[in-house]
Amino acid sequence: MAEQDPVNSDNHSEGSGVSIIIRHKVRLEYRARYEEWLTRIISAAAKFPGHNGVHILRPLPDKQEFEISVRFASEALAYSW
């Protein structure tokens, strides 16, 4: 169900950090359950040291793929998540 890319380093105006990119294909009939899970996982991620936020790209109504970017202050902190 999930495809997870390696941790990707990038630079932003606020400084360096890393993002973990997660892609899920979600069937339409499970989209509401998936959105509930997203709410819980975002709250859980926010409790980890170095967490700098989450960005979600939701699919168009007729598509299935969600993309979630979870940002951390460093590679070590991302891996500890």
N, C-alpha and C. Protein backbone atom coordinates (compact mmCIF):
# COMPACT_ATOMS: atom_id res chain seq x y z
N MET A 1 0.82 -1.19 0.00
CA MET A 1 0.00 0.00 0.00
C MET A 1 0.86 1.25 0.00
N ALA A 2 1.97 1.25 0.70
CA ALA A 2 2.77 2.47 0.82
C ALA A 2 4.06 2.35 0.04
N GLU A 3 4.44 3.47 -0.53
CA GLU A 3 5.74 3.58 -1.17
C GLU A 3 6.45 4.70 -0.43
N GLN A 4 7.62 4.41 0.11
CA GLN A 4 8.33 5.43 0.87
C GLN A 4 9.70 5.63 0.27
N ASP A 5 9.97 6.87 -0.12
CA ASP A 5 11.26 7.22 -0.69
C ASP A 5 12.28 7.38 0.44
N PRO A 6 13.55 7.25 0.11
CA PRO A 6 14.57 7.55 1.10
C PRO A 6 14.44 9.01 1.55
N VAL A 7 15.06 9.31 2.66
CA VAL A 7 15.05 10.68 3.16
C VAL A 7 15.74 11.57 2.13
N ASN A 8 15.10 12.66 1.79
CA ASN A 8 15.62 13.59 0.79
C ASN A 8 16.10 14.86 1.48
N SER A 9 17.34 15.24 1.23
CA SER A 9 17.86 16.49 1.78
C SER A 9 17.49 17.63 0.86
N ASP A 10 17.18 18.76 1.47
CA ASP A 10 16.93 19.96 0.70
C ASP A 10 17.16 21.17 1.58
N ASN A 11 17.25 22.32 0.94
CA ASN A 11 17.49 23.57 1.67
C ASN A 11 16.29 24.47 1.51
N HIS A 12 15.97 25.18 2.58
CA HIS A 12 14.89 26.16 2.58
C HIS A 12 15.45 27.44 3.16
N SER A 13 14.72 28.50 3.02
CA SER A 13 15.21 29.79 3.51
C SER A 13 15.40 29.77 5.03
N GLU A 14 14.65 28.90 5.75
CA GLU A 14 14.81 28.82 7.19
C GLU A 14 16.04 28.03 7.59
N GLY A 15 16.65 27.31 6.67
CA GLY A 15 17.81 26.48 6.98
C GLY A 15 17.66 25.11 6.38
N SER A 16 18.60 24.26 6.71
CA SER A 16 18.61 22.91 6.15
C SER A 16 17.68 22.00 6.93
N GLY A 17 17.30 20.93 6.31
CA GLY A 17 16.46 19.93 6.92
C GLY A 17 16.26 18.80 5.94
N VAL A 18 15.46 17.84 6.34
CA VAL A 18 15.16 16.71 5.47
C VAL A 18 13.66 16.45 5.48
N SER A 19 13.19 15.87 4.40
CA SER A 19 11.79 15.49 4.28
C SER A 19 11.70 14.01 3.96
N ILE A 20 10.75 13.36 4.58
CA ILE A 20 10.41 11.98 4.23
C ILE A 20 9.16 12.09 3.36
N ILE A 21 9.23 11.51 2.17
CA ILE A 21 8.10 11.56 1.24
C ILE A 21 7.41 10.20 1.25
N ILE A 22 6.12 10.22 1.51
CA ILE A 22 5.32 8.99 1.58
C ILE A 22 4.20 9.11 0.55
N ARG A 23 4.01 8.07 -0.24
CA ARG A 23 2.93 8.05 -1.22
C ARG A 23 2.03 6.85 -0.94
N HIS A 24 0.74 7.10 -0.93
CA HIS A 24 -0.25 6.04 -0.74
C HIS A 24 -1.30 6.14 -1.83
N LYS A 25 -1.69 5.01 -2.35
CA LYS A 25 -2.85 4.95 -3.23
C LYS A 25 -4.03 4.49 -2.37
N VAL A 26 -5.08 5.30 -2.36
CA VAL A 26 -6.23 5.04 -1.50
C VAL A 26 -7.49 4.94 -2.35
N ARG A 27 -8.15 3.81 -2.26
CA ARG A 27 -9.40 3.64 -3.00
C ARG A 27 -10.46 4.59 -2.45
N LEU A 28 -11.31 5.06 -3.32
CA LEU A 28 -12.31 6.06 -2.97
C LEU A 28 -13.14 5.65 -1.75
N GLU A 29 -13.52 4.39 -1.66
CA GLU A 29 -14.36 3.94 -0.55
C GLU A 29 -13.63 3.96 0.80
N TYR A 30 -12.30 4.10 0.79
CA TYR A 30 -11.52 4.15 2.03
C TYR A 30 -10.95 5.54 2.32
N ARG A 31 -11.31 6.51 1.50
CA ARG A 31 -10.71 7.85 1.64
C ARG A 31 -11.03 8.49 3.00
N ALA A 32 -12.25 8.37 3.50
CA ALA A 32 -12.62 8.96 4.80
C ALA A 32 -11.80 8.33 5.92
N ARG A 33 -11.66 7.00 5.90
CA ARG A 33 -10.83 6.33 6.91
C ARG A 33 -9.39 6.78 6.82
N TYR A 34 -8.89 6.95 5.61
CA TYR A 34 -7.51 7.39 5.41
C TYR A 34 -7.31 8.79 5.96
N GLU A 35 -8.25 9.69 5.72
CA GLU A 35 -8.16 11.05 6.25
C GLU A 35 -8.12 11.03 7.79
N GLU A 36 -8.89 10.14 8.40
CA GLU A 36 -8.85 10.01 9.87
C GLU A 36 -7.47 9.54 10.32
N TRP A 37 -6.90 8.57 9.61
CA TRP A 37 -5.56 8.10 9.93
C TRP A 37 -4.54 9.22 9.77
N LEU A 38 -4.65 10.02 8.71
CA LEU A 38 -3.74 11.14 8.49
C LEU A 38 -3.75 12.09 9.69
N THR A 39 -4.92 12.39 10.20
CA THR A 39 -5.04 13.28 11.36
C THR A 39 -4.25 12.71 12.54
N ARG A 40 -4.38 11.42 12.78
CA ARG A 40 -3.66 10.79 13.90
C ARG A 40 -2.15 10.76 13.67
N ILE A 41 -1.70 10.44 12.46
CA ILE A 41 -0.27 10.33 12.20
C ILE A 41 0.40 11.70 12.22
N ILE A 42 -0.31 12.74 11.79
CA ILE A 42 0.24 14.09 11.84
C ILE A 42 0.44 14.51 13.30
N SER A 43 -0.52 14.21 14.15
CA SER A 43 -0.39 14.52 15.58
C SER A 43 0.76 13.75 16.20
N ALA A 44 0.92 12.49 15.84
CA ALA A 44 2.01 11.67 16.38
C ALA A 44 3.36 12.21 15.92
N ALA A 45 3.48 12.56 14.65
CA ALA A 45 4.75 13.07 14.13
C ALA A 45 5.14 14.37 14.81
N ALA A 46 4.17 15.21 15.11
CA ALA A 46 4.44 16.52 15.72
C ALA A 46 5.10 16.39 17.09
N LYS A 47 4.96 15.24 17.74
CA LYS A 47 5.53 15.03 19.08
C LYS A 47 7.00 14.64 19.04
N PHE A 48 7.53 14.34 17.86
CA PHE A 48 8.92 13.90 17.76
C PHE A 48 9.87 15.09 17.71
N PRO A 49 11.04 14.95 18.35
CA PRO A 49 12.03 16.03 18.32
C PRO A 49 12.44 16.37 16.88
N GLY A 50 12.56 17.64 16.61
CA GLY A 50 13.02 18.08 15.30
C GLY A 50 11.95 18.14 14.24
N HIS A 51 10.72 17.78 14.57
CA HIS A 51 9.63 17.81 13.59
C HIS A 51 9.36 19.24 13.17
N ASN A 52 9.31 19.48 11.86
CA ASN A 52 9.12 20.83 11.33
C ASN A 52 7.87 20.97 10.48
N GLY A 53 6.98 20.00 10.53
CA GLY A 53 5.72 20.13 9.81
C GLY A 53 5.46 19.04 8.79
N VAL A 54 4.23 19.05 8.30
CA VAL A 54 3.75 18.07 7.33
C VAL A 54 3.04 18.81 6.21
N HIS A 55 3.26 18.36 4.99
CA HIS A 55 2.56 18.91 3.84
C HIS A 55 1.87 17.75 3.13
N ILE A 56 0.59 17.91 2.83
CA ILE A 56 -0.18 16.85 2.18
C ILE A 56 -0.67 17.33 0.82
N LEU A 57 -0.39 16.52 -0.20
CA LEU A 57 -0.97 16.74 -1.52
C LEU A 57 -2.06 15.69 -1.69
N ARG A 58 -3.29 16.15 -1.73
CA ARG A 58 -4.42 15.23 -1.89
C ARG A 58 -4.71 15.03 -3.38
N PRO A 59 -5.22 13.85 -3.71
CA PRO A 59 -5.52 13.59 -5.13
C PRO A 59 -6.77 14.35 -5.60
N LEU A 60 -6.85 14.52 -6.89
CA LEU A 60 -8.08 15.03 -7.48
C LEU A 60 -9.19 14.02 -7.20
N PRO A 61 -10.44 14.43 -7.27
CA PRO A 61 -11.54 13.51 -6.92
C PRO A 61 -11.52 12.16 -7.63
N ASP A 62 -11.06 12.12 -8.88
CA ASP A 62 -11.07 10.86 -9.64
C ASP A 62 -9.73 10.12 -9.58
N LYS A 63 -8.80 10.57 -8.75
CA LYS A 63 -7.49 9.94 -8.62
C LYS A 63 -7.35 9.31 -7.24
N GLN A 64 -6.23 8.57 -7.01
CA GLN A 64 -6.08 7.82 -5.77
C GLN A 64 -4.84 8.16 -4.96
N GLU A 65 -3.83 8.81 -5.54
CA GLU A 65 -2.55 8.92 -4.86
C GLU A 65 -2.42 10.17 -3.98
N PHE A 66 -2.17 9.92 -2.69
CA PHE A 66 -1.83 10.97 -1.73
C PHE A 66 -0.31 11.04 -1.65
N GLU A 67 0.22 12.24 -1.42
CA GLU A 67 1.65 12.40 -1.17
C GLU A 67 1.80 13.22 0.11
N ILE A 68 2.54 12.68 1.06
CA ILE A 68 2.75 13.33 2.35
C ILE A 68 4.24 13.59 2.51
N SER A 69 4.58 14.82 2.84
CA SER A 69 5.95 15.21 3.11
C SER A 69 6.06 15.54 4.59
N VAL A 70 6.87 14.77 5.31
CA VAL A 70 7.07 15.00 6.74
C VAL A 70 8.47 15.57 6.89
N ARG A 71 8.55 16.78 7.44
CA ARG A 71 9.82 17.52 7.51
C ARG A 71 10.44 17.48 8.89
N PHE A 72 11.76 17.25 8.93
CA PHE A 72 12.53 17.22 10.18
C PHE A 72 13.75 18.10 10.06
N ALA A 73 14.28 18.51 11.20
CA ALA A 73 15.43 19.42 11.24
C ALA A 73 16.71 18.77 10.75
N SER A 74 16.83 17.45 10.88
CA SER A 74 18.05 16.77 10.45
C SER A 74 17.74 15.34 10.01
N GLU A 75 18.67 14.75 9.30
CA GLU A 75 18.51 13.37 8.85
C GLU A 75 18.41 12.41 10.04
N ALA A 76 19.25 12.62 11.06
CA ALA A 76 19.22 11.75 12.24
C ALA A 76 17.86 11.79 12.93
N LEU A 77 17.29 12.99 13.06
CA LEU A 77 15.97 13.11 13.70
C LEU A 77 14.88 12.48 12.83
N ALA A 78 15.00 12.58 11.52
CA ALA A 78 14.02 11.95 10.63
C ALA A 78 14.07 10.43 10.77
N TYR A 79 15.27 9.88 10.82
CA TYR A 79 15.40 8.44 10.96
C TYR A 79 14.91 7.95 12.32
N SER A 80 15.00 8.78 13.34
CA SER A 80 14.52 8.35 14.66
C SER A 80 13.00 8.29 14.71
N TRP A 81 12.35 9.00 13.78
CA TRP A 81 10.89 8.96 13.70
C TRP A 81 10.46 7.61 13.18
